[in-house]
Amino acid sequence: MLNDIYLPEEVRDKIITSLDSDRARVESERENHKDRTQQRLASLRTRMDQMYEDKLDGKIDDVLVSEDERMAGERAHVGIREKLGIEPRRVPLS
């Protein structure tokens, strides 16, 4: 069925050029996103290492550490839900 479709060479070339351009743009966006994610991960690891050292040095106590860990976990879950398009759970205030 597709053998019966005629596509002028100029049109075909424009389609190929457009697809190549789109593929390059998507790849560039993916690489940028990957780089930003790796930078955030490195920053979080540095902060976690510093917090652990502060805890060992007695600069912060267990209560502060557990609260920070809880808040970091909540932020991570919110980010994942947003990327997946999942609405946050609503908890009634009673």
C-alpha atoms as a PDB file:
ATOM      1  CA  MET A   1       0.000   0.000   0.000  1.00  0.00           C
ATOM      2  CA  LEU A   2       2.809   2.433   0.850  1.00  0.00           C
ATOM      3  CA  ASN A   3       4.543   1.605  -2.413  1.00  0.00           C
ATOM      4  CA  ASP A   4       1.840   3.560  -4.235  1.00  0.00           C
ATOM      5  CA  ILE A   5       2.603   6.795  -2.353  1.00  0.00           C
ATOM      6  CA  TYR A   6       4.861   9.189  -4.214  1.00  0.00           C
ATOM      7  CA  LEU A   7       6.880  11.647  -2.179  1.00  0.00           C
ATOM      8  CA  PRO A   8       8.940  14.244  -4.006  1.00  0.00           C
ATOM      9  CA  GLU A   9      12.619  14.091  -3.124  1.00  0.00           C
ATOM     10  CA  GLU A  10      12.627  17.666  -1.809  1.00  0.00           C
ATOM     11  CA  VAL A  11       9.773  16.915   0.608  1.00  0.00           C
ATOM     12  CA  ARG A  12      11.436  13.695   1.709  1.00  0.00           C
ATOM     13  CA  ASP A  13      14.689  15.536   2.414  1.00  0.00           C
ATOM     14  CA  LYS A  14      12.885  18.202   4.469  1.00  0.00           C
ATOM     15  CA  ILE A  15      11.142  15.518   6.534  1.00  0.00           C
ATOM     16  CA  ILE A  16      14.441  13.734   7.174  1.00  0.00           C
ATOM     17  CA  THR A  17      16.154  17.002   8.121  1.00  0.00           C
ATOM     18  CA  SER A  18      13.315  17.875  10.482  1.00  0.00           C
ATOM     19  CA  LEU A  19      13.391  14.452  12.141  1.00  0.00           C
ATOM     20  CA  ASP A  20      17.178  14.631  12.541  1.00  0.00           C
ATOM     21  CA  SER A  21      16.863  18.079  14.087  1.00  0.00           C
ATOM     22  CA  ASP A  22      14.162  16.911  16.502  1.00  0.00           C
ATOM     23  CA  ARG A  23      16.229  13.885  17.503  1.00  0.00           C
ATOM     24  CA  ALA A  24      19.260  16.084  18.185  1.00  0.00           C
ATOM     25  CA  ARG A  25      17.169  18.518  20.253  1.00  0.00           C
ATOM     26  CA  VAL A  26      15.630  15.716  22.326  1.00  0.00           C
ATOM     27  CA  GLU A  27      19.051  14.172  22.930  1.00  0.00           C
ATOM     28  CA  SER A  28      20.445  17.538  24.000  1.00  0.00           C
ATOM     29  CA  GLU A  29      17.538  18.074  26.421  1.00  0.00           C
ATOM     30  CA  ARG A  30      18.029  14.574  27.826  1.00  0.00           C
ATOM     31  CA  GLU A  31      21.743  15.203  28.386  1.00  0.00           C
ATOM     32  CA  ASN A  32      21.005  18.547  30.078  1.00  0.00           C
ATOM     33  CA  HIS A  33      18.451  16.916  32.352  1.00  0.00           C
ATOM     34  CA  LYS A  34      20.889  14.122  33.178  1.00  0.00           C
ATOM     35  CA  ASP A  35      23.633  16.659  34.014  1.00  0.00           C
ATOM     36  CA  ARG A  36      21.304  18.690  36.262  1.00  0.00           C
ATOM     37  CA  THR A  37      20.174  15.533  38.042  1.00  0.00           C
ATOM     38  CA  GLN A  38      23.763  14.414  38.622  1.00  0.00           C
ATOM     39  CA  GLN A  39      24.652  17.866  39.988  1.00  0.00           C
ATOM     40  CA  ARG A  40      21.706  17.753  42.392  1.00  0.00           C
ATOM     41  CA  LEU A  41      22.681  14.259  43.509  1.00  0.00           C
ATOM     42  CA  ALA A  42      26.280  15.338  44.143  1.00  0.00           C
ATOM     43  CA  SER A  43      25.050  18.350  46.109  1.00  0.00           C
ATOM     44  CA  LEU A  44      22.740  16.189  48.225  1.00  0.00           C
ATOM     45  CA  ARG A  45      25.512  13.695  48.926  1.00  0.00           C
ATOM     46  CA  THR A  46      27.821  16.511  50.003  1.00  0.00           C
ATOM     47  CA  ARG A  47      25.158  17.907  52.308  1.00  0.00           C
ATOM     48  CA  MET A  48      24.434  14.475  53.764  1.00  0.00           C
ATOM     49  CA  ASP A  49      28.153  13.882  54.369  1.00  0.00           C
ATOM     50  CA  GLN A  50      28.460  17.250  56.083  1.00  0.00           C
ATOM     51  CA  MET A  51      25.401  16.570  58.224  1.00  0.00           C
ATOM     52  CA  TYR A  52      26.823  13.189  59.246  1.00  0.00           C
ATOM     53  CA  GLU A  53      30.138  14.813  60.195  1.00  0.00           C
ATOM     54  CA  ASP A  54      28.261  17.472  62.168  1.00  0.00           C
ATOM     55  CA  LYS A  55      26.353  14.739  63.995  1.00  0.00           C
ATOM     56  CA  LEU A  56      29.584  12.887  64.817  1.00  0.00           C
ATOM     57  CA  ASP A  57      31.136  16.139  66.039  1.00  0.00           C
ATOM     58  CA  GLY A  58      28.096  16.759  68.263  1.00  0.00           C
ATOM     59  CA  LYS A  59      27.090  19.922  66.408  1.00  0.00           C
ATOM     60  CA  ILE A  60      23.561  18.604  65.781  1.00  0.00           C
ATOM     61  CA  ASP A  61      21.438  16.108  67.668  1.00  0.00           C
ATOM     62  CA  ASP A  62      19.403  13.079  66.570  1.00  0.00           C
ATOM     63  CA  VAL A  63      16.107  14.993  66.676  1.00  0.00           C
ATOM     64  CA  LEU A  64      17.324  17.516  64.102  1.00  0.00           C
ATOM     65  CA  VAL A  65      18.794  14.784  61.900  1.00  0.00           C
ATOM     66  CA  SER A  66      15.590  12.724  61.879  1.00  0.00           C
ATOM     67  CA  GLU A  67      13.475  15.830  61.081  1.00  0.00           C
ATOM     68  CA  ASP A  68      15.790  16.784  58.211  1.00  0.00           C
ATOM     69  CA  GLU A  69      15.685  13.221  56.865  1.00  0.00           C
ATOM     70  CA  ARG A  70      11.878  13.202  57.025  1.00  0.00           C
ATOM     71  CA  MET A  71      11.635  16.518  55.198  1.00  0.00           C
ATOM     72  CA  ALA A  72      14.139  15.408  52.534  1.00  0.00           C
ATOM     73  CA  GLY A  73      12.137  12.208  52.003  1.00  0.00           C
ATOM     74  CA  GLU A  74       8.925  14.179  51.616  1.00  0.00           C
ATOM     75  CA  ARG A  75      10.528  16.514  49.063  1.00  0.00           C
ATOM     76  CA  ALA A  76      11.810  13.520  47.094  1.00  0.00           C
ATOM     77  CA  HIS A  77       8.351  11.939  47.046  1.00  0.00           C
ATOM     78  CA  VAL A  78       6.759  15.194  45.883  1.00  0.00           C
ATOM     79  CA  GLY A  79       9.265  15.443  43.034  1.00  0.00           C
ATOM     80  CA  ILE A  80       8.619  11.870  41.945  1.00  0.00           C
ATOM     81  CA  ARG A  81       4.840  12.360  42.087  1.00  0.00           C
ATOM     82  CA  GLU A  82       5.122  15.534  39.991  1.00  0.00           C
ATOM     83  CA  LYS A  83       7.211  13.798  37.327  1.00  0.00           C
ATOM     84  CA  LEU A  84       4.750  10.926  37.154  1.00  0.00           C
ATOM     85  CA  GLY A  85       1.733  13.248  37.171  1.00  0.00           C
ATOM     86  CA  ILE A  86       0.299  11.734  40.358  1.00  0.00           C
ATOM     87  CA  GLU A  87      -1.836  13.933  42.575  1.00  0.00           C
ATOM     88  CA  PRO A  88      -0.698  14.136  46.204  1.00  0.00           C
ATOM     89  CA  ARG A  89      -2.778  12.324  48.787  1.00  0.00           C
ATOM     90  CA  ARG A  90      -5.129  14.544  50.725  1.00  0.00           C
ATOM     91  CA  VAL A  91      -5.180  13.845  54.448  1.00  0.00           C
ATOM     92  CA  PRO A  92      -8.229  15.207  56.289  1.00  0.00           C
ATOM     93  CA  LEU A  93      -7.386  17.570  59.144  1.00  0.00           C
ATOM     94  CA  SER A  94      -9.565  16.344  62.001  1.00  0.00           C
END
